[in-house]
Amino acid sequence: MSEVRLAAEQRTEFGKGAARRTRRAGKIPAVLYGHGSDPKHLALPALEFARVVREHGQNAVLTLDIDSATELALTKTVTTHPLKNYIEHVDLLLVKRGEKVTVDVPIVLTGEPAAATLLTQESTTIQVEADALNIPDQIEFSIAGLGAGTQVHASDLELPKGSTLATDPEVLILAVNDAPSAASMGTEEGAEATPES
């Protein structure tokens, strides 16, 4: 995971009106907290931050230039407007070099399971503990040729070096089952169509 540098400004005004003014100025209201320090109210450049999330995901480590100081931060929560889809607010977690953090990492499946099977993915992310500056972008798992009856649990995933599993190892990630045949589906439809006597 690469570090991304952003210029952040300290906010001195708070409340809904101040947040609206911050957004009108092309910035996102944010709060940086952690390590027992007082929360810092910041304004992040909206376009640059949106690009970071799009290109690096929410686990990108941000190097924030705040006045004359530099802080490392991990995006904790991104609040998006439900209708207009712009970022309303961001919570940032202060991190230190060499510190371990627990984060959700996306699971990416590659390949196709065996013919005549149906794949059900139960979990799209897992929690891992990793060095703040070495958070994996994603965890890949090949489903190529997996047959019906296969179940994959969190403990079956291969994690990058330096990462440890924080999710319960027994959590079901995916299951491969026999695909329903046209005949069985036809039978079900026929049963539904038969009026009760």
Protein backbone atom coordinates (compact mmCIF):
# COMPACT_ATOMS: atom_id res chain seq x y z
CA MET A 1 0.00 0.00 0.00
CA SER A 2 1.49 3.29 -1.07
CA GLU A 3 1.44 6.46 0.96
CA VAL A 4 -0.45 9.40 -0.48
CA ARG A 5 0.33 12.99 0.43
CA LEU A 6 -2.47 15.51 0.97
CA ALA A 7 -2.46 19.10 2.16
CA ALA A 8 -4.95 19.51 5.02
CA GLU A 9 -6.14 22.66 6.74
CA GLN A 10 -7.18 23.05 10.36
CA ARG A 11 -10.87 23.97 10.73
CA THR A 12 -11.83 26.57 13.31
CA GLU A 13 -15.59 26.63 12.56
CA PHE A 14 -17.87 23.74 13.47
CA GLY A 15 -21.50 22.74 12.94
CA LYS A 16 -23.66 22.09 9.88
CA GLY A 17 -23.34 25.59 8.45
CA ALA A 18 -19.56 25.52 8.72
CA ALA A 19 -19.46 22.04 7.14
CA ARG A 20 -21.57 23.29 4.21
CA ARG A 21 -19.22 26.25 3.71
CA THR A 22 -16.23 23.87 3.78
CA ARG A 23 -17.82 21.67 1.10
CA ARG A 24 -18.75 24.70 -1.05
CA ALA A 25 -15.06 25.65 -0.97
CA GLY A 26 -14.20 22.26 -2.56
CA LYS A 27 -13.07 20.65 0.68
CA ILE A 28 -14.29 17.78 2.88
CA PRO A 29 -14.75 18.20 6.66
CA ALA A 30 -12.66 15.58 8.48
CA VAL A 31 -11.67 14.64 12.03
CA LEU A 32 -8.28 13.12 12.89
CA TYR A 33 -8.12 11.23 16.19
CA GLY A 34 -6.19 8.48 17.96
CA HIS A 35 -3.22 7.81 20.26
CA GLY A 36 -4.93 9.71 23.07
CA SER A 37 -4.48 13.07 21.33
CA ASP A 38 -7.22 15.69 21.06
CA PRO A 39 -9.23 15.33 17.84
CA LYS A 40 -8.09 17.65 15.07
CA HIS A 41 -10.78 19.16 12.85
CA LEU A 42 -9.50 19.33 9.30
CA ALA A 43 -10.54 20.20 5.77
CA LEU A 44 -9.27 17.88 3.01
CA PRO A 45 -9.16 18.72 -0.71
CA ALA A 46 -12.31 17.02 -2.06
CA LEU A 47 -11.16 16.04 -5.55
CA GLU A 48 -7.77 14.71 -4.40
CA PHE A 49 -9.28 12.70 -1.53
CA ALA A 50 -11.99 11.21 -3.78
CA ARG A 51 -9.26 10.16 -6.23
CA VAL A 52 -7.26 8.48 -3.42
CA VAL A 53 -10.31 6.43 -2.34
CA ARG A 54 -11.07 5.51 -5.97
CA GLU A 55 -7.51 4.47 -6.82
CA HIS A 56 -6.23 3.07 -3.50
CA GLY A 57 -9.39 2.16 -1.55
CA GLN A 58 -10.16 3.23 2.00
CA ASN A 59 -7.05 1.55 3.41
CA ALA A 60 -4.70 4.08 1.82
CA VAL A 61 -2.30 5.62 4.32
CA LEU A 62 -2.42 9.40 4.04
CA THR A 63 0.53 11.66 4.78
CA LEU A 64 -1.21 14.85 5.89
CA ASP A 65 0.60 18.17 5.72
CA ILE A 66 -1.10 20.20 8.46
CA ASP A 67 0.38 23.67 8.82
CA SER A 68 4.07 22.92 9.49
CA ALA A 69 3.48 19.39 10.84
CA THR A 70 3.09 16.02 9.10
CA GLU A 71 0.81 13.24 10.35
CA LEU A 72 0.17 9.71 9.11
CA ALA A 73 -3.50 8.73 8.98
CA LEU A 74 -5.68 5.83 7.94
CA THR A 75 -9.20 6.44 6.63
CA LYS A 76 -11.62 5.01 9.20
CA THR A 77 -15.04 6.11 7.91
CA VAL A 78 -16.20 7.86 4.76
CA THR A 79 -19.74 9.28 4.94
CA THR A 80 -21.30 9.75 1.50
CA HIS A 81 -24.49 11.68 0.70
CA PRO A 82 -27.20 9.03 0.06
CA LEU A 83 -28.63 10.74 -3.04
CA LYS A 84 -25.97 13.00 -4.51
CA ASN A 85 -23.08 10.58 -3.87
CA TYR A 86 -20.51 13.18 -2.78
CA ILE A 87 -18.33 12.67 0.31
CA GLU A 88 -19.86 14.54 3.26
CA HIS A 89 -17.39 13.73 6.04
CA VAL A 90 -14.31 11.64 6.80
CA ASP A 91 -13.00 10.15 10.06
CA LEU A 92 -9.24 9.59 10.08
CA LEU A 93 -7.22 7.48 12.51
CA LEU A 94 -3.77 8.68 13.53
CA VAL A 95 -1.13 5.96 12.95
CA LYS A 96 2.60 5.68 13.59
CA ARG A 97 5.28 4.00 11.49
CA GLY A 98 5.67 0.37 12.55
CA GLU A 99 2.25 0.30 14.19
CA LYS A 100 -0.09 -2.65 13.59
CA VAL A 101 -3.65 -1.84 12.54
CA THR A 102 -6.74 -4.00 11.96
CA VAL A 103 -8.51 -3.29 8.68
CA ASP A 104 -11.08 -4.80 6.31
CA VAL A 105 -9.45 -6.01 3.08
CA PRO A 106 -11.47 -6.94 -0.04
CA ILE A 107 -11.44 -10.55 -1.24
CA VAL A 108 -11.01 -10.88 -5.01
CA LEU A 109 -11.97 -14.19 -6.62
CA THR A 110 -10.20 -15.30 -9.80
CA GLY A 111 -11.11 -18.04 -12.28
CA GLU A 112 -14.32 -20.00 -12.70
CA PRO A 113 -15.61 -22.95 -10.65
CA ALA A 114 -16.34 -26.31 -12.29
CA ALA A 115 -19.13 -26.56 -14.85
CA ALA A 116 -22.72 -27.03 -13.62
CA THR A 117 -21.95 -25.44 -10.24
CA LEU A 118 -23.28 -22.36 -8.49
CA LEU A 119 -20.94 -20.13 -6.46
CA THR A 120 -22.20 -18.28 -3.39
CA GLN A 121 -19.83 -15.70 -1.89
CA GLU A 122 -20.76 -15.14 1.75
CA SER A 123 -18.04 -12.60 2.62
CA THR A 124 -16.49 -9.98 0.35
CA THR A 125 -13.94 -8.73 2.92
CA ILE A 126 -11.90 -10.13 5.80
CA GLN A 127 -10.24 -8.40 8.71
CA VAL A 128 -6.48 -8.61 8.88
CA GLU A 129 -3.85 -7.13 11.17
CA ALA A 130 -0.95 -5.59 9.30
CA ASP A 131 1.72 -2.92 9.53
CA ALA A 132 0.05 0.43 8.88
CA LEU A 133 2.39 1.05 5.94
CA ASN A 134 2.01 -2.47 4.47
CA ILE A 135 -1.75 -3.01 4.33
CA PRO A 136 -2.63 -5.37 1.46
CA ASP A 137 -4.81 -3.85 -1.28
CA GLN A 138 -6.74 -7.10 -1.64
CA ILE A 139 -6.62 -10.83 -0.91
CA GLU A 140 -6.85 -12.97 -4.07
CA PHE A 141 -8.28 -16.49 -4.05
CA SER A 142 -8.53 -18.77 -7.09
CA ILE A 143 -11.82 -20.62 -7.49
CA ALA A 144 -10.70 -22.21 -10.78
CA GLY A 145 -12.18 -25.69 -11.13
CA LEU A 146 -13.67 -25.88 -7.63
CA GLY A 147 -16.32 -28.60 -7.52
CA ALA A 148 -19.72 -28.80 -5.87
CA GLY A 149 -19.53 -29.27 -2.11
CA THR A 150 -16.45 -27.05 -1.71
CA GLN A 151 -16.49 -24.61 1.20
CA VAL A 152 -13.78 -22.01 1.75
CA HIS A 153 -13.29 -20.47 5.19
CA ALA A 154 -11.25 -17.46 6.27
CA SER A 155 -8.45 -19.77 7.44
CA ASP A 156 -8.11 -21.14 3.86
CA LEU A 157 -7.07 -17.76 2.44
CA GLU A 158 -3.37 -17.12 1.89
CA LEU A 159 -2.42 -13.81 3.44
CA PRO A 160 0.50 -11.65 2.30
CA LYS A 161 3.65 -11.81 4.40
CA GLY A 162 3.36 -9.64 7.49
CA SER A 163 -0.45 -9.90 7.66
CA THR A 164 -2.32 -12.02 10.20
CA LEU A 165 -5.97 -13.03 10.21
CA ALA A 166 -8.17 -11.00 12.58
CA THR A 167 -11.48 -12.46 11.35
CA ASP A 168 -12.73 -15.69 12.97
CA PRO A 169 -10.93 -18.48 11.01
CA GLU A 170 -14.23 -20.42 10.74
CA VAL A 171 -16.06 -17.61 8.90
CA LEU A 172 -17.45 -18.96 5.62
CA ILE A 173 -16.11 -17.04 2.63
CA LEU A 174 -17.73 -18.99 -0.21
CA ALA A 175 -19.50 -22.21 -1.05
CA VAL A 176 -19.78 -24.08 -4.35
CA ASN A 177 -22.98 -26.08 -4.90
CA ASP A 178 -24.57 -28.03 -7.74
CA ALA A 179 -26.36 -25.66 -10.10
CA PRO A 180 -30.10 -26.36 -10.23
CA SER A 181 -30.98 -28.24 -13.40
CA ALA A 182 -33.61 -27.01 -15.83
CA ALA A 183 -35.64 -30.15 -15.06
CA SER A 184 -35.70 -29.48 -11.30
CA MET A 185 -36.58 -25.82 -11.86
CA GLY A 186 -39.36 -26.92 -14.23
CA THR A 187 -40.69 -29.30 -11.57
CA GLU A 188 -40.74 -26.49 -8.99
CA GLU A 189 -42.55 -24.16 -11.39
CA GLY A 190 -45.01 -26.94 -12.23
CA ALA A 191 -45.66 -27.52 -8.54
CA GLU A 192 -46.32 -23.80 -8.00
CA ALA A 193 -48.64 -23.67 -11.02
CA THR A 194 -50.76 -26.65 -9.79
CA PRO A 195 -53.84 -25.27 -8.04
CA GLU A 196 -54.64 -26.64 -4.61
CA SER A 197 -57.66 -28.94 -4.66
